[in-house]
Amino acid sequence: MVGEVAVLRAKLWQYLREQADVGQLKAIEDGRSAGVPWYHFTEALCVTSKQGAYQKVRRLKAEQVRDPGERRAPEIAREFEDRVAAEQRAERAR
């Protein structure tokens, strides 16, 4: 019984973390669209530099677009964005 509850609690925390990541990413994207510089996000993202903030956002994006088993790495987000851009170019070409 205690073990089952612990597993359910772990699942709940994972779900909450995923939802928080989505909300945090959206807030940062909104801020960046409004012209907020990267260094303003450093404290909120628990990093010490604007490069750290940028990289953390790339990892958050990767988490949203990665396939199961893929790493949560900035390269994953970049590859996804490249695929989307290529699909959009192909669609416009048609």
N, C-alpha and C. Protein backbone atom coordinates (compact mmCIF):
# COMPACT_ATOMS: atom_id res chain seq x y z
N MET A 1 0.82 -1.19 0.00
CA MET A 1 0.00 0.00 0.00
C MET A 1 0.86 1.26 0.00
N VAL A 2 1.82 1.35 0.91
CA VAL A 2 2.69 2.52 0.98
C VAL A 2 3.49 2.66 -0.32
N GLY A 3 3.96 1.55 -0.86
CA GLY A 3 4.71 1.57 -2.11
C GLY A 3 3.87 2.07 -3.27
N GLU A 4 2.62 1.64 -3.35
CA GLU A 4 1.73 2.09 -4.43
C GLU A 4 1.48 3.59 -4.33
N VAL A 5 1.30 4.07 -3.12
CA VAL A 5 1.07 5.50 -2.91
C VAL A 5 2.31 6.29 -3.31
N ALA A 6 3.48 5.76 -2.98
CA ALA A 6 4.72 6.44 -3.34
C ALA A 6 4.86 6.55 -4.86
N VAL A 7 4.50 5.49 -5.58
CA VAL A 7 4.57 5.51 -7.04
C VAL A 7 3.59 6.54 -7.59
N LEU A 8 2.39 6.57 -7.05
CA LEU A 8 1.40 7.56 -7.49
C LEU A 8 1.88 8.99 -7.21
N ARG A 9 2.48 9.19 -6.05
CA ARG A 9 3.03 10.52 -5.73
C ARG A 9 4.12 10.91 -6.71
N ALA A 10 4.99 9.96 -7.06
CA ALA A 10 6.06 10.25 -8.01
C ALA A 10 5.49 10.62 -9.38
N LYS A 11 4.44 9.92 -9.81
CA LYS A 11 3.78 10.23 -11.08
C LYS A 11 3.16 11.62 -11.03
N LEU A 12 2.54 11.96 -9.91
CA LEU A 12 1.94 13.28 -9.77
C LEU A 12 2.99 14.38 -9.86
N TRP A 13 4.12 14.20 -9.17
CA TRP A 13 5.19 15.20 -9.22
C TRP A 13 5.74 15.34 -10.62
N GLN A 14 5.87 14.25 -11.34
CA GLN A 14 6.35 14.32 -12.73
C GLN A 14 5.36 15.11 -13.58
N TYR A 15 4.08 14.85 -13.43
CA TYR A 15 3.05 15.57 -14.17
C TYR A 15 3.12 17.07 -13.86
N LEU A 16 3.22 17.40 -12.58
CA LEU A 16 3.29 18.82 -12.18
C LEU A 16 4.53 19.49 -12.75
N ARG A 17 5.66 18.78 -12.75
CA ARG A 17 6.90 19.34 -13.30
C ARG A 17 6.73 19.63 -14.79
N GLU A 18 6.13 18.69 -15.51
CA GLU A 18 5.92 18.88 -16.94
C GLU A 18 5.02 20.09 -17.20
N GLN A 19 3.96 20.23 -16.42
CA GLN A 19 3.06 21.37 -16.59
C GLN A 19 3.77 22.68 -16.25
N ALA A 20 4.59 22.68 -15.21
CA ALA A 20 5.33 23.89 -14.84
C ALA A 20 6.32 24.26 -15.94
N ASP A 21 6.98 23.28 -16.54
CA ASP A 21 7.93 23.57 -17.62
C ASP A 21 7.23 24.25 -18.79
N VAL A 22 6.04 23.77 -19.14
CA VAL A 22 5.28 24.36 -20.24
C VAL A 22 4.93 25.81 -19.90
N GLY A 23 4.46 26.05 -18.70
CA GLY A 23 4.08 27.40 -18.29
C GLY A 23 5.28 28.33 -18.24
N GLN A 24 6.41 27.84 -17.73
CA GLN A 24 7.61 28.66 -17.65
C GLN A 24 8.12 29.01 -19.05
N LEU A 25 8.12 28.05 -19.94
CA LEU A 25 8.57 28.29 -21.30
C LEU A 25 7.68 29.33 -21.98
N LYS A 26 6.38 29.22 -21.82
CA LYS A 26 5.45 30.19 -22.42
C LYS A 26 5.70 31.59 -21.87
N ALA A 27 5.92 31.71 -20.56
CA ALA A 27 6.19 33.01 -19.95
C ALA A 27 7.46 33.63 -20.54
N ILE A 28 8.50 32.82 -20.69
CA ILE A 28 9.75 33.34 -21.24
C ILE A 28 9.58 33.72 -22.70
N GLU A 29 8.89 32.90 -23.47
CA GLU A 29 8.66 33.24 -24.88
C GLU A 29 7.87 34.54 -25.00
N ASP A 30 6.87 34.73 -24.13
CA ASP A 30 6.11 35.98 -24.13
C ASP A 30 7.01 37.17 -23.80
N GLY A 31 7.86 36.99 -22.79
CA GLY A 31 8.78 38.05 -22.42
C GLY A 31 9.76 38.39 -23.52
N ARG A 32 10.32 37.37 -24.14
CA ARG A 32 11.27 37.60 -25.24
C ARG A 32 10.59 38.30 -26.40
N SER A 33 9.34 37.91 -26.69
CA SER A 33 8.59 38.57 -27.77
C SER A 33 8.36 40.05 -27.46
N ALA A 34 8.27 40.37 -26.17
CA ALA A 34 8.06 41.76 -25.74
C ALA A 34 9.38 42.50 -25.60
N GLY A 35 10.50 41.85 -25.90
CA GLY A 35 11.79 42.51 -25.87
C GLY A 35 12.56 42.41 -24.56
N VAL A 36 12.13 41.54 -23.65
CA VAL A 36 12.86 41.38 -22.39
C VAL A 36 14.19 40.69 -22.67
N PRO A 37 15.31 41.27 -22.22
CA PRO A 37 16.61 40.65 -22.48
C PRO A 37 16.82 39.38 -21.67
N TRP A 38 17.70 38.52 -22.21
CA TRP A 38 17.96 37.22 -21.57
C TRP A 38 18.40 37.37 -20.12
N TYR A 39 19.24 38.36 -19.81
CA TYR A 39 19.77 38.46 -18.45
C TYR A 39 18.70 38.74 -17.42
N HIS A 40 17.53 39.21 -17.83
CA HIS A 40 16.43 39.41 -16.88
C HIS A 40 15.84 38.09 -16.40
N PHE A 41 16.07 37.03 -17.14
CA PHE A 41 15.51 35.71 -16.79
C PHE A 41 16.46 34.85 -15.96
N THR A 42 17.67 35.32 -15.72
CA THR A 42 18.66 34.46 -15.06
C THR A 42 18.20 34.00 -13.68
N GLU A 43 17.73 34.91 -12.85
CA GLU A 43 17.30 34.52 -11.50
C GLU A 43 16.11 33.57 -11.55
N ALA A 44 15.14 33.87 -12.39
CA ALA A 44 13.95 33.03 -12.49
C ALA A 44 14.27 31.62 -12.96
N LEU A 45 15.32 31.48 -13.75
CA LEU A 45 15.71 30.16 -14.28
C LEU A 45 16.82 29.51 -13.46
N CYS A 46 17.24 30.17 -12.37
CA CYS A 46 18.28 29.63 -11.49
C CYS A 46 19.59 29.40 -12.23
N VAL A 47 19.96 30.35 -13.06
CA VAL A 47 21.24 30.32 -13.75
C VAL A 47 21.95 31.64 -13.48
N THR A 48 23.21 31.73 -13.87
CA THR A 48 23.99 32.92 -13.53
C THR A 48 24.36 33.80 -14.72
N SER A 49 23.98 33.39 -15.92
CA SER A 49 24.34 34.18 -17.09
C SER A 49 23.22 34.15 -18.11
N LYS A 50 23.30 35.12 -19.04
CA LYS A 50 22.28 35.13 -20.10
C LYS A 50 22.43 33.90 -21.00
N GLN A 51 23.67 33.42 -21.18
CA GLN A 51 23.88 32.20 -21.96
C GLN A 51 23.24 31.00 -21.26
N GLY A 52 23.35 30.97 -19.93
CA GLY A 52 22.72 29.90 -19.16
C GLY A 52 21.21 29.94 -19.30
N ALA A 53 20.64 31.14 -19.30
CA ALA A 53 19.19 31.29 -19.48
C ALA A 53 18.78 30.79 -20.86
N TYR A 54 19.53 31.19 -21.86
CA TYR A 54 19.23 30.76 -23.23
C TYR A 54 19.28 29.25 -23.35
N GLN A 55 20.33 28.63 -22.80
CA GLN A 55 20.48 27.18 -22.89
C GLN A 55 19.36 26.45 -22.13
N LYS A 56 18.98 26.99 -20.98
CA LYS A 56 17.91 26.35 -20.22
C LYS A 56 16.60 26.39 -20.99
N VAL A 57 16.34 27.51 -21.65
CA VAL A 57 15.12 27.62 -22.47
C VAL A 57 15.18 26.63 -23.62
N ARG A 58 16.35 26.45 -24.21
CA ARG A 58 16.48 25.47 -25.29
C ARG A 58 16.18 24.06 -24.77
N ARG A 59 16.62 23.76 -23.55
CA ARG A 59 16.32 22.44 -22.97
C ARG A 59 14.83 22.31 -22.68
N LEU A 60 14.19 23.38 -22.22
CA LEU A 60 12.75 23.34 -21.98
C LEU A 60 12.00 23.09 -23.30
N LYS A 61 12.45 23.74 -24.37
CA LYS A 61 11.83 23.52 -25.68
C LYS A 61 12.04 22.08 -26.14
N ALA A 62 13.25 21.57 -25.91
CA ALA A 62 13.54 20.19 -26.31
C ALA A 62 12.62 19.22 -25.59
N GLU A 63 12.35 19.49 -24.34
CA GLU A 63 11.45 18.61 -23.57
C GLU A 63 10.07 18.55 -24.20
N GLN A 64 9.63 19.66 -24.79
CA GLN A 64 8.29 19.71 -25.38
C GLN A 64 8.21 18.97 -26.72
N VAL A 65 9.32 18.88 -27.44
CA VAL A 65 9.27 18.33 -28.79
C VAL A 65 9.99 17.00 -28.95
N ARG A 66 10.66 16.54 -27.91
CA ARG A 66 11.45 15.32 -28.04
C ARG A 66 10.56 14.09 -28.11
N ASP A 67 11.08 13.06 -28.74
CA ASP A 67 10.42 11.76 -28.76
C ASP A 67 10.81 11.01 -27.50
N PRO A 68 9.98 10.07 -27.05
CA PRO A 68 10.36 9.28 -25.87
C PRO A 68 11.73 8.64 -26.08
N GLY A 69 12.56 8.74 -25.09
CA GLY A 69 13.89 8.17 -25.16
C GLY A 69 14.96 9.14 -25.64
N GLU A 70 14.55 10.25 -26.27
CA GLU A 70 15.52 11.25 -26.69
C GLU A 70 15.96 12.08 -25.50
N ARG A 71 17.20 12.58 -25.58
CA ARG A 71 17.70 13.42 -24.51
C ARG A 71 17.01 14.78 -24.54
N ARG A 72 17.00 15.43 -23.37
CA ARG A 72 16.47 16.79 -23.26
C ARG A 72 17.65 17.74 -23.49
N ALA A 73 18.01 17.92 -24.76
CA ALA A 73 19.19 18.70 -25.11
C ALA A 73 18.81 19.78 -26.12
N PRO A 74 19.53 20.89 -26.12
CA PRO A 74 19.22 21.96 -27.07
C PRO A 74 19.24 21.52 -28.53
N GLU A 75 20.10 20.54 -28.85
CA GLU A 75 20.16 20.07 -30.24
C GLU A 75 18.83 19.49 -30.71
N ILE A 76 18.09 18.86 -29.79
CA ILE A 76 16.80 18.26 -30.14
C ILE A 76 15.83 19.35 -30.56
N ALA A 77 15.79 20.45 -29.81
CA ALA A 77 14.90 21.57 -30.16
C ALA A 77 15.31 22.16 -31.50
N ARG A 78 16.61 22.32 -31.73
CA ARG A 78 17.10 22.89 -32.98
C ARG A 78 16.72 22.00 -34.16
N GLU A 79 16.89 20.68 -34.00
CA GLU A 79 16.52 19.75 -35.06
C GLU A 79 15.02 19.82 -35.35
N PHE A 80 14.21 19.92 -34.32
CA PHE A 80 12.77 20.03 -34.49
C PHE A 80 12.43 21.30 -35.26
N GLU A 81 13.02 22.43 -34.85
CA GLU A 81 12.76 23.70 -35.53
C GLU A 81 13.20 23.65 -36.98
N ASP A 82 14.32 22.99 -37.26
CA ASP A 82 14.78 22.84 -38.64
C ASP A 82 13.79 22.01 -39.46
N ARG A 83 13.27 20.92 -38.86
CA ARG A 83 12.28 20.09 -39.56
C ARG A 83 11.01 20.88 -39.86
N VAL A 84 10.53 21.65 -38.89
CA VAL A 84 9.32 22.46 -39.08
C VAL A 84 9.55 23.49 -40.19
N ALA A 85 10.70 24.14 -40.16
CA ALA A 85 11.02 25.15 -41.19
C ALA A 85 11.06 24.51 -42.57
N ALA A 86 11.66 23.33 -42.68
CA ALA A 86 11.75 22.63 -43.96
C ALA A 86 10.35 22.25 -44.45
N GLU A 87 9.50 21.79 -43.54
CA GLU A 87 8.13 21.44 -43.92
C GLU A 87 7.37 22.68 -44.40
N GLN A 88 7.58 23.80 -43.74
CA GLN A 88 6.90 25.04 -44.14
C GLN A 88 7.39 25.51 -45.51
N ARG A 89 8.70 25.39 -45.75
CA ARG A 89 9.24 25.76 -47.08
C ARG A 89 8.65 24.86 -48.15
N ALA A 90 8.57 23.56 -47.88
CA ALA A 90 8.01 22.62 -48.85
C ALA A 90 6.54 22.92 -49.12
N GLU A 91 5.82 23.28 -48.08
CA GLU A 91 4.40 23.61 -48.23
C GLU A 91 4.23 24.88 -49.09
N ARG A 92 5.07 25.88 -48.84
CA ARG A 92 4.98 27.12 -49.64
C ARG A 92 5.36 26.87 -51.09
N ALA A 93 6.31 25.95 -51.29
CA ALA A 93 6.75 25.63 -52.66
C ALA A 93 5.64 24.95 -53.47
N ARG A 94 4.78 24.24 -52.76
CA ARG A 94 3.66 23.57 -53.46
C ARG A 94 2.66 24.58 -53.81
